[in-house]
């Protein structure tokens, strides 16, 4: 997939993000991998994730 422009919280402004190779199986059924990385600093960005699922799974905490 082509690079996408998004705000990078680490860099403090808009940067290009690319998708690394998906090792979690998101693309096996033709779906899109939600993981992106800033090309300047490597900060991770996850798109299209329901935050409620992350909280329920314990991967993050509610603020």
Protein backbone atom coordinates (compact mmCIF):
# COMPACT_ATOMS: atom_id res chain seq x y z
CA UNK A 1 0.00 0.00 0.00
CA UNK A 2 1.19 3.53 -0.76
CA UNK A 3 2.41 5.75 2.09
CA UNK A 4 -0.29 7.78 3.87
CA UNK A 5 0.00 11.22 5.49
CA UNK A 6 -1.09 11.34 9.14
CA UNK A 7 -0.22 13.34 12.23
CA UNK A 8 2.71 11.78 14.09
CA UNK A 9 2.53 12.49 17.82
CA UNK A 10 6.25 11.78 18.22
CA UNK A 11 7.39 14.12 15.41
CA UNK A 12 4.73 16.72 16.24
CA UNK A 13 3.37 17.23 12.74
CA UNK A 14 2.14 15.49 9.60
CA UNK A 15 4.44 12.73 8.31
CA UNK A 16 4.34 9.83 5.87
CA UNK A 17 3.42 6.44 7.32
CA UNK A 18 4.06 3.08 5.65
CA UNK A 19 2.85 -0.42 6.39
CA UNK A 20 5.48 -2.93 7.44
CA UNK A 21 4.96 -6.54 6.40
CA UNK A 22 2.01 -7.95 8.33
CA UNK A 23 3.02 -10.88 10.53
CA UNK A 24 -0.28 -11.06 12.45
CA UNK A 25 -2.43 -12.54 9.67
CA UNK A 26 -4.55 -9.44 9.01
CA UNK A 27 -4.07 -9.75 5.24
CA UNK A 28 -4.52 -13.52 4.85
CA UNK A 29 -8.21 -13.14 3.93
CA UNK A 30 -7.63 -10.06 1.77
CA UNK A 31 -8.15 -7.61 4.62
CA UNK A 32 -6.01 -4.60 5.41
CA UNK A 33 -3.39 -4.58 8.13
CA UNK A 34 -4.15 -1.79 10.63
CA UNK A 35 -0.49 -1.26 11.55
CA UNK A 36 1.48 1.69 10.17
CA UNK A 37 4.90 3.18 11.00
CA UNK A 38 6.19 6.76 10.66
CA UNK A 39 9.01 6.78 8.10
CA UNK A 40 10.91 9.44 10.07
CA UNK A 41 10.82 8.15 13.65
CA UNK A 42 9.21 4.70 13.46
CA UNK A 43 6.29 5.56 15.76
CA UNK A 44 3.48 3.03 15.47
CA UNK A 45 -0.05 3.93 14.43
CA UNK A 46 -2.93 1.44 14.51
CA UNK A 47 -5.98 2.31 12.41
CA UNK A 48 -9.53 1.02 12.44
CA UNK A 49 -9.37 -0.52 15.89
CA UNK A 50 -12.33 -0.39 18.26
CA UNK A 51 -10.82 1.08 21.44
CA UNK A 52 -13.41 -0.80 23.53
CA UNK A 53 -11.91 -4.08 22.29
CA UNK A 54 -8.41 -2.95 23.32
CA UNK A 55 -9.62 -2.00 26.81
CA UNK A 56 -11.51 -5.29 27.20
CA UNK A 57 -8.44 -7.26 26.08
CA UNK A 58 -6.21 -5.48 28.58
CA UNK A 59 -3.89 -4.08 25.88
CA UNK A 60 -4.62 -0.53 27.08
CA UNK A 61 -6.44 1.16 29.90
CA UNK A 62 -9.34 3.56 29.89
CA UNK A 63 -8.43 7.16 30.65
